[in-house]
Amino acid sequence: DTVTHTIPVGYHASDITVSPSGSFIYVANSADNSVSVISRSSYLATTTINNVGASPSSIAISSDEQTLYVGQTFTPSLITISTATNTKEDAIPTIINSSRLKACVLKIDCRNGI
């Protein structure tokens, strides 16, 4: 494999997800509590969403591309982010930390028919 692009993001990139359409790449940055939004067409970080919770360690996107779900290492909640505005919307309480997020989001999408 060959590296074709190097894209600066936040400190300690801990997880990555690509939108279903392939238009955007989202990176959870656990050491600075942010999410980097990368345009797939330009391979540039276009936005940084700050203050998305304590040590975001996992990230997933809904199949309709409207919501990002960010799991945290040290806090028992799941952060939701609107992809339309790139802003934090809600913190959904969970029983344990939400660092193992992707399987949970797949189940949410299936259950809601999204």
Protein backbone atom coordinates (compact mmCIF):
# COMPACT_ATOMS: atom_id res chain seq x y z
CA ASP A 1 0.00 0.00 0.00
CA THR A 2 1.06 3.56 -0.70
CA VAL A 3 0.26 6.67 1.37
CA THR A 4 -1.50 9.11 -0.94
CA HIS A 5 -2.55 11.83 1.53
CA THR A 6 -1.45 12.99 4.97
CA ILE A 7 -4.17 15.00 6.70
CA PRO A 8 -3.54 16.88 9.96
CA VAL A 9 -6.28 16.30 12.54
CA GLY A 10 -6.62 16.75 16.30
CA TYR A 11 -4.38 15.21 18.92
CA HIS A 12 -4.48 11.42 19.35
CA ALA A 13 -6.81 10.32 16.57
CA SER A 14 -8.54 7.30 18.10
CA ASP A 15 -11.19 6.26 15.57
CA ILE A 16 -12.38 7.06 12.06
CA THR A 17 -15.57 6.60 10.06
CA VAL A 18 -16.57 7.44 6.50
CA SER A 19 -20.04 8.70 5.57
CA PRO A 20 -22.09 6.14 3.60
CA SER A 21 -21.94 8.38 0.50
CA GLY A 22 -18.17 8.65 0.84
CA SER A 23 -18.26 12.47 0.93
CA PHE A 24 -16.84 12.97 4.41
CA ILE A 25 -14.40 11.33 6.79
CA TYR A 26 -14.84 11.86 10.53
CA VAL A 27 -12.04 11.40 13.07
CA ALA A 28 -12.45 11.21 16.87
CA ASN A 29 -9.53 12.98 18.58
CA SER A 30 -9.41 11.71 22.14
CA ALA A 31 -6.71 13.94 23.63
CA ASP A 32 -8.32 17.23 22.65
CA ASN A 33 -12.00 16.22 22.90
CA SER A 34 -12.81 17.00 19.29
CA VAL A 35 -13.95 15.53 15.97
CA SER A 36 -12.24 16.46 12.70
CA VAL A 37 -14.38 16.63 9.56
CA ILE A 38 -12.49 15.89 6.34
CA SER A 39 -13.79 16.52 2.84
CA ARG A 40 -13.18 13.41 0.78
CA SER A 41 -13.01 15.45 -2.44
CA SER A 42 -10.19 17.73 -1.23
CA TYR A 43 -8.70 15.56 1.55
CA LEU A 44 -8.59 18.64 3.78
CA ALA A 45 -9.91 18.96 7.32
CA THR A 46 -12.72 21.47 6.79
CA THR A 47 -14.10 21.67 10.33
CA THR A 48 -13.15 20.79 13.88
CA ILE A 49 -16.04 20.14 16.25
CA ASN A 50 -14.78 20.96 19.76
CA ASN A 51 -15.98 19.96 23.23
CA VAL A 52 -17.61 16.71 22.14
CA GLY A 53 -17.15 15.01 25.51
CA ALA A 54 -14.43 13.47 27.62
CA SER A 55 -11.89 11.61 25.52
CA PRO A 56 -13.91 10.65 22.42
CA SER A 57 -12.65 7.21 21.51
CA SER A 58 -15.10 5.90 18.92
CA ILE A 59 -17.23 7.38 16.20
CA ALA A 60 -19.98 6.18 13.87
CA ILE A 61 -22.47 7.77 11.51
CA SER A 62 -26.12 6.98 10.90
CA SER A 63 -27.01 5.44 7.57
CA ASP A 64 -28.94 8.59 6.61
CA GLU A 65 -25.78 10.64 7.32
CA GLN A 66 -27.69 13.06 9.57
CA THR A 67 -26.14 12.11 12.92
CA LEU A 68 -22.68 11.31 14.21
CA TYR A 69 -22.44 9.20 17.36
CA VAL A 70 -19.37 9.73 19.51
CA GLY A 71 -18.45 7.29 22.26
CA GLN A 72 -16.34 8.40 25.21
CA THR A 73 -13.72 6.49 27.16
CA PHE A 74 -14.38 7.88 30.64
CA THR A 75 -18.00 9.06 30.59
CA PRO A 76 -21.11 6.87 30.40
CA SER A 77 -22.85 8.76 27.61
CA LEU A 78 -23.13 8.80 23.85
CA ILE A 79 -22.76 12.21 22.19
CA THR A 80 -24.86 13.01 19.11
CA ILE A 81 -23.70 15.56 16.55
CA SER A 82 -25.74 17.03 13.69
CA THR A 83 -23.81 16.62 10.44
CA ALA A 84 -25.87 19.44 8.89
CA THR A 85 -24.53 22.00 11.39
CA ASN A 86 -21.50 20.12 12.80
CA THR A 87 -22.68 20.88 16.32
CA LYS A 88 -23.19 18.76 19.41
CA GLU A 89 -26.89 18.07 19.96
CA ASP A 90 -27.29 15.70 22.88
CA ALA A 91 -25.64 13.42 25.40
CA ILE A 92 -27.49 10.13 25.74
CA PRO A 93 -26.78 8.43 29.09
CA THR A 94 -25.46 4.87 28.89
CA ILE A 95 -24.91 2.26 31.58
CA ILE A 96 -21.17 1.98 30.88
CA ASN A 97 -18.66 4.01 28.91
CA SER A 98 -19.52 4.14 25.24
CA SER A 99 -16.10 3.47 23.77
CA ARG A 100 -17.35 0.34 21.95
CA LEU A 101 -19.76 2.25 19.80
CA LYS A 102 -20.02 0.89 16.27
CA ALA A 103 -22.04 -2.25 17.06
CA CYS A 104 -24.44 -0.12 19.12
CA VAL A 105 -25.05 2.34 16.27
CA LEU A 106 -25.68 -0.45 13.80
CA LYS A 107 -28.36 -1.81 16.13
CA ILE A 108 -29.92 1.66 16.53
CA ASP A 109 -30.09 2.11 12.75
CA CYS A 110 -31.66 -1.32 12.24
CA ARG A 111 -34.21 -0.83 14.99
CA ASN A 112 -35.27 2.61 13.76
CA GLY A 113 -35.32 1.60 10.11
CA ILE A 114 -32.86 4.34 9.22
